[in-house]
Amino acid sequence: MTSLSGKTLFITGASRGIGRAIALRAARDGANIAIAAKSDVANPKLPGTIHSVAAEIEAAGGRALALKCDIREEDEVRAAVAATVDAFGGLDILVNNASAIWLRGTLDTPMKRFDLMQQVNARGSFLCAQACLPHLLKAPNPHILTLAPPPNLDPKWWAPHTGYTLAKMGMSFVTLGLAAEFGPQGVAVNALWPRTVIATDAINMIPGVQAERCRRPEIVADAAQAVLTRPAQGYHGHFLIDDEVLAAQGVTDFARYAVDPTQPLLPDLFLDSDRAHQPPR
């Protein structure tokens, strides 16, 4: 399978950034896309809503369903999944993209922020999977793809921002567990992580990061499309890096993904030296 035509995707946090890019890439294939996010009213500081992305999906050739959904709320998630199945007749793919970030030390992390990250990242990914799995298990080629890094217990990634690292690794460990449980049942449960920092609104949370040293979200979207079109049977438990996925597909020109191809790229968090080498340009 090389296309997502006719497939139904439930994408969390798809009103902007990487989630939006994955949605638009699938739309070009003619996919059905449920945009599950909280942003239903325009915010001058954070462009993009479920409705603006729905219009972009339709313009790109896909079918869209805009769903205001806070993935911390169980009833909202279950209602959104039910609405997706009612609208499109089933569900093939869950993309756990929604994530909260706060890159501060322990004494600078309010418990409200700590709780938000745990509820959105690990708990939200688990809840969305739990709600989608009864439908995914009926699909011919079901996938769960979570935007999470390879599990890493190196203290250097924990000391600067324990709360965020715990929340993000929580998504990784949820992936590990779901892959072991549902992979043998034919569901491809995997994680995808960018090698470099991606130029989204989230980079404003990272002190000193310059957008010109980042890649654009389209590299993650193209990698996600390559993963989600693979046969699901026997393909689970992988922690994939975006440019490694594309290199395996024969991609050699990565400069087109750079915001500024003349600038050195910033490696993303949580990648050890064996996977964080200077990425291909």
C-alpha atoms as a PDB file:
ATOM      1  CA  MET A   1       0.000   0.000   0.000  1.00  0.00           C
ATOM      2  CA  THR A   2       1.464   3.324  -1.048  1.00  0.00           C
ATOM      3  CA  SER A   3      -1.553   5.565  -0.447  1.00  0.00           C
ATOM      4  CA  LEU A   4      -3.913   6.445   2.377  1.00  0.00           C
ATOM      5  CA  SER A   5      -6.798   6.901  -0.044  1.00  0.00           C
ATOM      6  CA  GLY A   6     -10.072   6.028   1.643  1.00  0.00           C
ATOM      7  CA  LYS A   7      -8.415   5.466   5.033  1.00  0.00           C
ATOM      8  CA  THR A   8      -9.833   7.169   8.119  1.00  0.00           C
ATOM      9  CA  LEU A   9      -7.400   8.884  10.493  1.00  0.00           C
ATOM     10  CA  PHE A  10      -8.089  10.264  13.970  1.00  0.00           C
ATOM     11  CA  ILE A  11      -5.359  12.843  14.649  1.00  0.00           C
ATOM     12  CA  THR A  12      -5.041  14.601  17.993  1.00  0.00           C
ATOM     13  CA  GLY A  13      -3.690  18.132  18.154  1.00  0.00           C
ATOM     14  CA  ALA A  14      -4.150  18.540  14.409  1.00  0.00           C
ATOM     15  CA  SER A  15      -5.118  22.220  14.408  1.00  0.00           C
ATOM     16  CA  ARG A  16      -1.510  23.300  13.843  1.00  0.00           C
ATOM     17  CA  GLY A  17       2.112  22.161  13.606  1.00  0.00           C
ATOM     18  CA  ILE A  18       3.047  18.549  13.022  1.00  0.00           C
ATOM     19  CA  GLY A  19      -0.514  17.283  13.440  1.00  0.00           C
ATOM     20  CA  ARG A  20      -1.757  19.647  10.739  1.00  0.00           C
ATOM     21  CA  ALA A  21       1.092  18.635   8.424  1.00  0.00           C
ATOM     22  CA  ILE A  22       0.285  14.928   8.844  1.00  0.00           C
ATOM     23  CA  ALA A  23      -3.383  15.666   8.160  1.00  0.00           C
ATOM     24  CA  LEU A  24      -2.639  17.595   4.973  1.00  0.00           C
ATOM     25  CA  ARG A  25      -0.265  14.907   3.708  1.00  0.00           C
ATOM     26  CA  ALA A  26      -2.956  12.265   4.205  1.00  0.00           C
ATOM     27  CA  ALA A  27      -5.531  14.560   2.585  1.00  0.00           C
ATOM     28  CA  ARG A  28      -3.478  14.646  -0.614  1.00  0.00           C
ATOM     29  CA  ASP A  29      -3.959  10.878  -0.763  1.00  0.00           C
ATOM     30  CA  GLY A  30      -7.725  11.289  -0.417  1.00  0.00           C
ATOM     31  CA  ALA A  31      -8.007  10.194   3.226  1.00  0.00           C
ATOM     32  CA  ASN A  32     -10.773  10.908   5.716  1.00  0.00           C
ATOM     33  CA  ILE A  33      -9.418  12.880   8.655  1.00  0.00           C
ATOM     34  CA  ALA A  34     -10.895  13.616  12.063  1.00  0.00           C
ATOM     35  CA  ILE A  35      -9.219  16.699  13.521  1.00  0.00           C
ATOM     36  CA  ALA A  36      -9.429  16.292  17.287  1.00  0.00           C
ATOM     37  CA  ALA A  37      -8.204  19.429  19.070  1.00  0.00           C
ATOM     38  CA  LYS A  38      -9.318  22.141  21.477  1.00  0.00           C
ATOM     39  CA  SER A  39      -8.783  25.075  19.097  1.00  0.00           C
ATOM     40  CA  ASP A  40     -12.145  25.920  17.578  1.00  0.00           C
ATOM     41  CA  VAL A  41     -11.773  29.715  17.858  1.00  0.00           C
ATOM     42  CA  ALA A  42      -8.918  31.649  16.261  1.00  0.00           C
ATOM     43  CA  ASN A  43      -6.176  32.811  18.614  1.00  0.00           C
ATOM     44  CA  PRO A  44      -3.946  35.654  17.376  1.00  0.00           C
ATOM     45  CA  LYS A  45      -0.963  34.150  19.211  1.00  0.00           C
ATOM     46  CA  LEU A  46      -1.528  30.597  17.918  1.00  0.00           C
ATOM     47  CA  PRO A  47      -2.755  30.443  14.320  1.00  0.00           C
ATOM     48  CA  GLY A  48      -4.939  27.566  13.200  1.00  0.00           C
ATOM     49  CA  THR A  49      -8.222  25.998  14.333  1.00  0.00           C
ATOM     50  CA  ILE A  50      -9.973  22.704  13.705  1.00  0.00           C
ATOM     51  CA  HIS A  51     -12.143  24.558  11.186  1.00  0.00           C
ATOM     52  CA  SER A  52      -9.301  26.201   9.244  1.00  0.00           C
ATOM     53  CA  VAL A  53      -7.490  22.872   8.989  1.00  0.00           C
ATOM     54  CA  ALA A  54     -10.718  21.150   7.912  1.00  0.00           C
ATOM     55  CA  ALA A  55     -10.978  23.632   5.034  1.00  0.00           C
ATOM     56  CA  GLU A  56      -7.351  22.967   4.073  1.00  0.00           C
ATOM     57  CA  ILE A  57      -7.950  19.206   4.133  1.00  0.00           C
ATOM     58  CA  GLU A  58     -10.966  19.522   1.846  1.00  0.00           C
ATOM     59  CA  ALA A  59      -9.010  21.759  -0.518  1.00  0.00           C
ATOM     60  CA  ALA A  60      -6.179  19.218  -0.628  1.00  0.00           C
ATOM     61  CA  GLY A  61      -8.528  16.402  -1.677  1.00  0.00           C
ATOM     62  CA  GLY A  62      -9.463  14.781   1.613  1.00  0.00           C
ATOM     63  CA  ARG A  63     -12.601  14.622   3.719  1.00  0.00           C
ATOM     64  CA  ALA A  64     -12.554  16.362   7.076  1.00  0.00           C
ATOM     65  CA  LEU A  65     -14.403  16.206  10.366  1.00  0.00           C
ATOM     66  CA  ALA A  66     -13.639  19.048  12.794  1.00  0.00           C
ATOM     67  CA  LEU A  67     -14.032  17.848  16.375  1.00  0.00           C
ATOM     68  CA  LYS A  68     -13.540  20.089  19.386  1.00  0.00           C
ATOM     69  CA  CYS A  69     -11.993  17.640  21.824  1.00  0.00           C
ATOM     70  CA  ASP A  70      -9.918  17.935  24.970  1.00  0.00           C
ATOM     71  CA  ILE A  71      -8.105  14.600  25.202  1.00  0.00           C
ATOM     72  CA  ARG A  72      -7.961  14.952  28.987  1.00  0.00           C
ATOM     73  CA  GLU A  73     -11.734  14.409  29.060  1.00  0.00           C
ATOM     74  CA  GLU A  74     -12.791  10.791  28.636  1.00  0.00           C
ATOM     75  CA  ASP A  75     -16.347  11.571  27.541  1.00  0.00           C
ATOM     76  CA  GLU A  76     -15.140  14.013  24.887  1.00  0.00           C
ATOM     77  CA  VAL A  77     -12.657  11.504  23.467  1.00  0.00           C
ATOM     78  CA  ARG A  78     -15.183   8.688  23.290  1.00  0.00           C
ATOM     79  CA  ALA A  79     -17.753  10.978  21.687  1.00  0.00           C
ATOM     80  CA  ALA A  80     -15.215  12.200  19.127  1.00  0.00           C
ATOM     81  CA  VAL A  81     -14.223   8.652  18.178  1.00  0.00           C
ATOM     82  CA  ALA A  82     -17.888   7.656  17.865  1.00  0.00           C
ATOM     83  CA  ALA A  83     -18.567  10.685  15.658  1.00  0.00           C
ATOM     84  CA  THR A  84     -15.610   9.721  13.441  1.00  0.00           C
ATOM     85  CA  VAL A  85     -16.885   6.173  12.987  1.00  0.00           C
ATOM     86  CA  ASP A  86     -20.405   7.445  12.293  1.00  0.00           C
ATOM     87  CA  ALA A  87     -19.150   9.923   9.704  1.00  0.00           C
ATOM     88  CA  PHE A  88     -16.745   7.667   7.826  1.00  0.00           C
ATOM     89  CA  GLY A  89     -17.923   4.149   8.585  1.00  0.00           C
ATOM     90  CA  GLY A  90     -14.889   2.983  10.510  1.00  0.00           C
ATOM     91  CA  LEU A  91     -11.424   3.883  11.745  1.00  0.00           C
ATOM     92  CA  ASP A  92      -8.043   2.812  10.391  1.00  0.00           C
ATOM     93  CA  ILE A  93      -5.406   4.984  12.049  1.00  0.00           C
ATOM     94  CA  LEU A  94      -4.839   6.829  15.306  1.00  0.00           C
ATOM     95  CA  VAL A  95      -2.118   9.478  15.385  1.00  0.00           C
ATOM     96  CA  ASN A  96      -1.283  10.529  18.953  1.00  0.00           C
ATOM     97  CA  ASN A  97       0.228  13.922  18.209  1.00  0.00           C
ATOM     98  CA  ALA A  98      -1.178  16.153  20.963  1.00  0.00           C
ATOM     99  CA  SER A  99       1.409  17.016  23.591  1.00  0.00           C
ATOM    100  CA  ALA A 100       2.061  19.632  26.281  1.00  0.00           C
ATOM    101  CA  ILE A 101       5.546  20.999  26.914  1.00  0.00           C
ATOM    102  CA  TRP A 102       7.248  22.899  29.762  1.00  0.00           C
ATOM    103  CA  LEU A 103      11.040  22.891  29.719  1.00  0.00           C
ATOM    104  CA  ARG A 104      11.773  24.109  33.227  1.00  0.00           C
ATOM    105  CA  GLY A 105      13.394  22.658  36.318  1.00  0.00           C
ATOM    106  CA  THR A 106      11.571  21.252  39.306  1.00  0.00           C
ATOM    107  CA  LEU A 107      11.367  24.496  41.297  1.00  0.00           C
ATOM    108  CA  ASP A 108      10.070  26.365  38.255  1.00  0.00           C
ATOM    109  CA  THR A 109       7.347  23.862  37.368  1.00  0.00           C
ATOM    110  CA  PRO A 110       3.914  24.710  38.805  1.00  0.00           C
ATOM    111  CA  MET A 111       1.950  21.577  39.685  1.00  0.00           C
ATOM    112  CA  LYS A 112      -0.831  22.778  37.391  1.00  0.00           C
ATOM    113  CA  ARG A 113       1.630  22.614  34.501  1.00  0.00           C
ATOM    114  CA  PHE A 114       3.011  19.260  35.691  1.00  0.00           C
ATOM    115  CA  ASP A 115      -0.504  17.802  35.834  1.00  0.00           C
ATOM    116  CA  LEU A 116      -1.370  19.174  32.396  1.00  0.00           C
ATOM    117  CA  MET A 117       1.623  17.433  30.800  1.00  0.00           C
ATOM    118  CA  GLN A 118       0.875  14.083  32.440  1.00  0.00           C
ATOM    119  CA  GLN A 119      -2.810  14.283  31.514  1.00  0.00           C
ATOM    120  CA  VAL A 120      -2.270  15.267  27.877  1.00  0.00           C
ATOM    121  CA  ASN A 121       0.846  13.288  27.008  1.00  0.00           C
ATOM    122  CA  ALA A 122       0.792   9.813  28.553  1.00  0.00           C
ATOM    123  CA  ARG A 123      -2.794   9.630  29.805  1.00  0.00           C
ATOM    124  CA  GLY A 124      -4.200  11.250  26.667  1.00  0.00           C
ATOM    125  CA  SER A 125      -2.327   8.852  24.383  1.00  0.00           C
ATOM    126  CA  PHE A 126      -3.544   5.889  26.440  1.00  0.00           C
ATOM    127  CA  LEU A 127      -7.147   7.132  26.493  1.00  0.00           C
ATOM    128  CA  CYS A 128      -7.256   7.791  22.742  1.00  0.00           C
ATOM    129  CA  ALA A 129      -5.829   4.350  22.050  1.00  0.00           C
ATOM    130  CA  GLN A 130      -8.328   2.732  24.408  1.00  0.00           C
ATOM    131  CA  ALA A 131     -11.226   4.500  22.666  1.00  0.00           C
ATOM    132  CA  CYS A 132      -9.968   3.734  19.136  1.00  0.00           C
ATOM    133  CA  LEU A 133      -8.799   0.148  19.536  1.00  0.00           C
ATOM    134  CA  PRO A 134     -12.217  -1.577  19.338  1.00  0.00           C
ATOM    135  CA  HIS A 135     -12.569  -0.022  15.885  1.00  0.00           C
ATOM    136  CA  LEU A 136      -8.936  -0.448  14.851  1.00  0.00           C
ATOM    137  CA  LEU A 137      -9.125  -4.157  15.590  1.00  0.00           C
ATOM    138  CA  LYS A 138     -11.799  -4.412  12.877  1.00  0.00           C
ATOM    139  CA  ALA A 139      -9.745  -2.470  10.305  1.00  0.00           C
ATOM    140  CA  PRO A 140      -7.822  -4.239   7.525  1.00  0.00           C
ATOM    141  CA  ASN A 141      -4.521  -2.432   8.175  1.00  0.00           C
ATOM    142  CA  PRO A 142      -4.704  -0.660  11.556  1.00  0.00           C
ATOM    143  CA  HIS A 143      -2.013   1.674  12.849  1.00  0.00           C
ATOM    144  CA  ILE A 144      -1.349   3.660  16.006  1.00  0.00           C
ATOM    145  CA  LEU A 145       1.456   6.167  15.556  1.00  0.00           C
ATOM    146  CA  THR A 146       2.564   8.290  18.514  1.00  0.00           C
ATOM    147  CA  LEU A 147       4.871  11.297  18.334  1.00  0.00           C
ATOM    148  CA  ALA A 148       7.263  10.150  21.046  1.00  0.00           C
ATOM    149  CA  PRO A 149      11.009   9.589  21.399  1.00  0.00           C
ATOM    150  CA  PRO A 150      12.901   6.347  21.906  1.00  0.00           C
ATOM    151  CA  PRO A 151      12.771   5.478  25.638  1.00  0.00           C
ATOM    152  CA  ASN A 152      15.773   6.990  27.386  1.00  0.00           C
ATOM    153  CA  LEU A 153      16.768   6.832  31.059  1.00  0.00           C
ATOM    154  CA  ASP A 154      19.958   8.898  30.738  1.00  0.00           C
ATOM    155  CA  PRO A 155      19.862  11.461  33.601  1.00  0.00           C
ATOM    156  CA  LYS A 156      21.030  14.219  31.249  1.00  0.00           C
ATOM    157  CA  TRP A 157      17.537  14.269  29.734  1.00  0.00           C
ATOM    158  CA  TRP A 158      15.808  14.226  33.118  1.00  0.00           C
ATOM    159  CA  ALA A 159      17.695  16.753  35.214  1.00  0.00           C
ATOM    160  CA  PRO A 160      16.808  19.921  33.227  1.00  0.00           C
ATOM    161  CA  HIS A 161      13.033  19.251  32.978  1.00  0.00           C
ATOM    162  CA  THR A 162      11.932  16.193  34.938  1.00  0.00           C
ATOM    163  CA  GLY A 163       8.222  16.940  34.543  1.00  0.00           C
ATOM    164  CA  TYR A 164       8.321  17.165  30.749  1.00  0.00           C
ATOM    165  CA  THR A 165      10.671  14.220  30.336  1.00  0.00           C
ATOM    166  CA  LEU A 166       8.403  12.078  32.503  1.00  0.00           C
ATOM    167  CA  ALA A 167       5.378  13.075  30.446  1.00  0.00           C
ATOM    168  CA  LYS A 168       7.075  12.507  27.098  1.00  0.00           C
ATOM    169  CA  MET A 169       8.657   9.212  28.110  1.00  0.00           C
ATOM    170  CA  GLY A 170       5.210   8.257  29.354  1.00  0.00           C
ATOM    171  CA  MET A 171       4.042   8.400  25.746  1.00  0.00           C
ATOM    172  CA  SER A 172       6.979   6.197  24.764  1.00  0.00           C
ATOM    173  CA  PHE A 173       6.191   3.630  27.437  1.00  0.00           C
ATOM    174  CA  VAL A 174       2.507   3.625  26.477  1.00  0.00           C
ATOM    175  CA  THR A 175       3.675   2.835  22.938  1.00  0.00           C
ATOM    176  CA  LEU A 176       5.879   0.029  24.246  1.00  0.00           C
ATOM    177  CA  GLY A 177       3.022  -1.547  26.178  1.00  0.00           C
ATOM    178  CA  LEU A 178       0.369  -1.198  23.489  1.00  0.00           C
ATOM    179  CA  ALA A 179       2.755  -2.618  20.892  1.00  0.00           C
ATOM    180  CA  ALA A 180       3.363  -5.697  23.031  1.00  0.00           C
ATOM    181  CA  GLU A 181      -0.347  -6.139  23.738  1.00  0.00           C
ATOM    182  CA  PHE A 182      -1.890  -5.385  20.364  1.00  0.00           C
ATOM    183  CA  GLY A 183       0.935  -5.933  17.893  1.00  0.00           C
ATOM    184  CA  PRO A 184       0.348  -9.706  17.955  1.00  0.00           C
ATOM    185  CA  GLN A 185      -3.317  -8.936  17.175  1.00  0.00           C
ATOM    186  CA  GLY A 186      -2.313  -7.181  13.964  1.00  0.00           C
ATOM    187  CA  VAL A 187      -2.224  -3.529  15.056  1.00  0.00           C
ATOM    188  CA  ALA A 188       0.943  -1.655  14.058  1.00  0.00           C
ATOM    189  CA  VAL A 189       1.774   0.355  17.187  1.00  0.00           C
ATOM    190  CA  ASN A 190       4.879   2.513  16.727  1.00  0.00           C
ATOM    191  CA  ALA A 191       6.415   5.874  17.631  1.00  0.00           C
ATOM    192  CA  LEU A 192       7.940   8.551  15.423  1.00  0.00           C
ATOM    193  CA  TRP A 193      10.312  11.320  16.502  1.00  0.00           C
ATOM    194  CA  PRO A 194      12.090  14.090  14.564  1.00  0.00           C
ATOM    195  CA  ARG A 195      15.874  14.059  14.534  1.00  0.00           C
ATOM    196  CA  THR A 196      15.947  17.857  14.557  1.00  0.00           C
ATOM    197  CA  VAL A 197      13.866  20.490  16.242  1.00  0.00           C
ATOM    198  CA  ILE A 198      10.806  21.222  14.101  1.00  0.00           C
ATOM    199  CA  ALA A 199       9.685  24.776  13.364  1.00  0.00           C
ATOM    200  CA  THR A 200       6.308  24.829  15.117  1.00  0.00           C
ATOM    201  CA  ASP A 201       4.797  27.084  17.760  1.00  0.00           C
ATOM    202  CA  ALA A 202       6.268  24.747  20.389  1.00  0.00           C
ATOM    203  CA  ILE A 203       9.779  26.023  19.688  1.00  0.00           C
ATOM    204  CA  ASN A 204       8.784  29.217  21.469  1.00  0.00           C
ATOM    205  CA  MET A 205       8.964  27.100  24.638  1.00  0.00           C
ATOM    206  CA  ILE A 206      12.625  26.271  24.035  1.00  0.00           C
ATOM    207  CA  PRO A 207      14.961  29.119  25.073  1.00  0.00           C
ATOM    208  CA  GLY A 208      17.446  30.169  22.403  1.00  0.00           C
ATOM    209  CA  VAL A 209      16.039  28.065  19.564  1.00  0.00           C
ATOM    210  CA  GLN A 210      16.151  29.826  16.219  1.00  0.00           C
ATOM    211  CA  ALA A 211      13.582  28.775  13.633  1.00  0.00           C
ATOM    212  CA  GLU A 212      16.131  29.010  10.821  1.00  0.00           C
ATOM    213  CA  ARG A 213      18.030  26.095  12.405  1.00  0.00           C
ATOM    214  CA  CYS A 214      14.971  23.842  12.322  1.00  0.00           C
ATOM    215  CA  ARG A 215      13.252  21.621   9.811  1.00  0.00           C
ATOM    216  CA  ARG A 216       9.683  22.137   8.672  1.00  0.00           C
ATOM    217  CA  PRO A 217       6.828  19.872   9.870  1.00  0.00           C
ATOM    218  CA  GLU A 218       6.514  18.358   6.404  1.00  0.00           C
ATOM    219  CA  ILE A 219       9.450  16.018   7.064  1.00  0.00           C
ATOM    220  CA  VAL A 220       7.546  14.382   9.915  1.00  0.00           C
ATOM    221  CA  ALA A 221       4.392  14.246   7.797  1.00  0.00           C
ATOM    222  CA  ASP A 222       6.174  12.504   4.927  1.00  0.00           C
ATOM    223  CA  ALA A 223       7.757  10.036   7.354  1.00  0.00           C
ATOM    224  CA  ALA A 224       4.377   9.371   8.972  1.00  0.00           C
ATOM    225  CA  GLN A 225       2.833   8.676   5.579  1.00  0.00           C
ATOM    226  CA  ALA A 226       5.593   6.156   4.840  1.00  0.00           C
ATOM    227  CA  VAL A 227       4.948   4.397   8.156  1.00  0.00           C
ATOM    228  CA  LEU A 228       1.156   4.399   7.921  1.00  0.00           C
ATOM    229  CA  THR A 229       1.112   2.855   4.455  1.00  0.00           C
ATOM    230  CA  ARG A 230       3.148  -0.168   5.589  1.00  0.00           C
ATOM    231  CA  PRO A 231       1.470  -3.527   6.182  1.00  0.00           C
ATOM    232  CA  ALA A 232       0.474  -3.543   9.843  1.00  0.00           C
ATOM    233  CA  GLN A 233       0.907  -7.228  10.506  1.00  0.00           C
ATOM    234  CA  GLY A 234       4.190  -7.866  12.303  1.00  0.00           C
ATOM    235  CA  TYR A 235       5.215  -4.197  12.330  1.00  0.00           C
ATOM    236  CA  HIS A 236       5.092  -2.923  15.898  1.00  0.00           C
ATOM    237  CA  GLY A 237       7.240  -1.682  18.755  1.00  0.00           C
ATOM    238  CA  HIS A 238       9.514   0.501  16.627  1.00  0.00           C
ATOM    239  CA  PHE A 239      10.820   3.904  17.721  1.00  0.00           C
ATOM    240  CA  LEU A 240      11.431   5.560  14.398  1.00  0.00           C
ATOM    241  CA  ILE A 241      13.344   8.714  13.437  1.00  0.00           C
ATOM    242  CA  ASP A 242      11.867  10.806  10.642  1.00  0.00           C
ATOM    243  CA  ASP A 243      14.854  11.085   8.286  1.00  0.00           C
ATOM    244  CA  GLU A 244      15.812   7.429   8.839  1.00  0.00           C
ATOM    245  CA  VAL A 245      12.324   6.425   7.678  1.00  0.00           C
ATOM    246  CA  LEU A 246      12.626   8.591   4.579  1.00  0.00           C
ATOM    247  CA  ALA A 247      16.194   7.491   3.821  1.00  0.00           C
ATOM    248  CA  ALA A 248      14.937   3.898   3.817  1.00  0.00           C
ATOM    249  CA  GLN A 249      12.386   5.016   1.203  1.00  0.00           C
ATOM    250  CA  GLY A 250      15.196   6.326  -1.000  1.00  0.00           C
ATOM    251  CA  VAL A 251      14.999  10.016  -0.079  1.00  0.00           C
ATOM    252  CA  THR A 252      18.405  11.679  -0.411  1.00  0.00           C
ATOM    253  CA  ASP A 253      17.537  15.392  -0.546  1.00  0.00           C
ATOM    254  CA  PHE A 254      16.771  16.614   2.968  1.00  0.00           C
ATOM    255  CA  ALA A 255      17.675  20.248   2.319  1.00  0.00           C
ATOM    256  CA  ARG A 256      14.130  20.905   1.098  1.00  0.00           C
ATOM    257  CA  TYR A 257      12.847  20.282   4.601  1.00  0.00           C
ATOM    258  CA  ALA A 258      15.129  22.858   6.229  1.00  0.00           C
ATOM    259  CA  VAL A 259      13.791  26.303   7.078  1.00  0.00           C
ATOM    260  CA  ASP A 260      17.175  27.654   5.986  1.00  0.00           C
ATOM    261  CA  PRO A 261      19.389  25.056   4.239  1.00  0.00           C
ATOM    262  CA  THR A 262      22.506  27.163   4.905  1.00  0.00           C
ATOM    263  CA  GLN A 263      22.181  26.872   8.678  1.00  0.00           C
ATOM    264  CA  PRO A 264      23.338  23.964  10.894  1.00  0.00           C
ATOM    265  CA  LEU A 265      20.405  21.997  12.265  1.00  0.00           C
ATOM    266  CA  LEU A 266      19.541  21.635  15.936  1.00  0.00           C
ATOM    267  CA  PRO A 267      19.164  18.027  17.152  1.00  0.00           C
ATOM    268  CA  ASP A 268      15.950  17.296  19.004  1.00  0.00           C
ATOM    269  CA  LEU A 269      15.716  16.254  22.650  1.00  0.00           C
ATOM    270  CA  PHE A 270      16.171  12.711  23.945  1.00  0.00           C
ATOM    271  CA  LEU A 271      18.407  11.375  21.161  1.00  0.00           C
ATOM    272  CA  ASP A 272      21.718   9.874  22.254  1.00  0.00           C
ATOM    273  CA  SER A 273      24.871  10.273  20.200  1.00  0.00           C
ATOM    274  CA  ASP A 274      24.252   7.117  18.169  1.00  0.00           C
ATOM    275  CA  ARG A 275      21.020   8.609  16.794  1.00  0.00           C
ATOM    276  CA  ALA A 276      21.716  12.324  17.131  1.00  0.00           C
ATOM    277  CA  HIS A 277      24.598  12.608  14.683  1.00  0.00           C
ATOM    278  CA  GLN A 278      24.571  15.623  12.372  1.00  0.00           C
ATOM    279  CA  PRO A 279      21.560  14.893  10.167  1.00  0.00           C
ATOM    280  CA  PRO A 280      21.821  14.724   6.379  1.00  0.00           C
ATOM    281  CA  ARG A 281      21.478  18.073   4.637  1.00  0.00           C
END
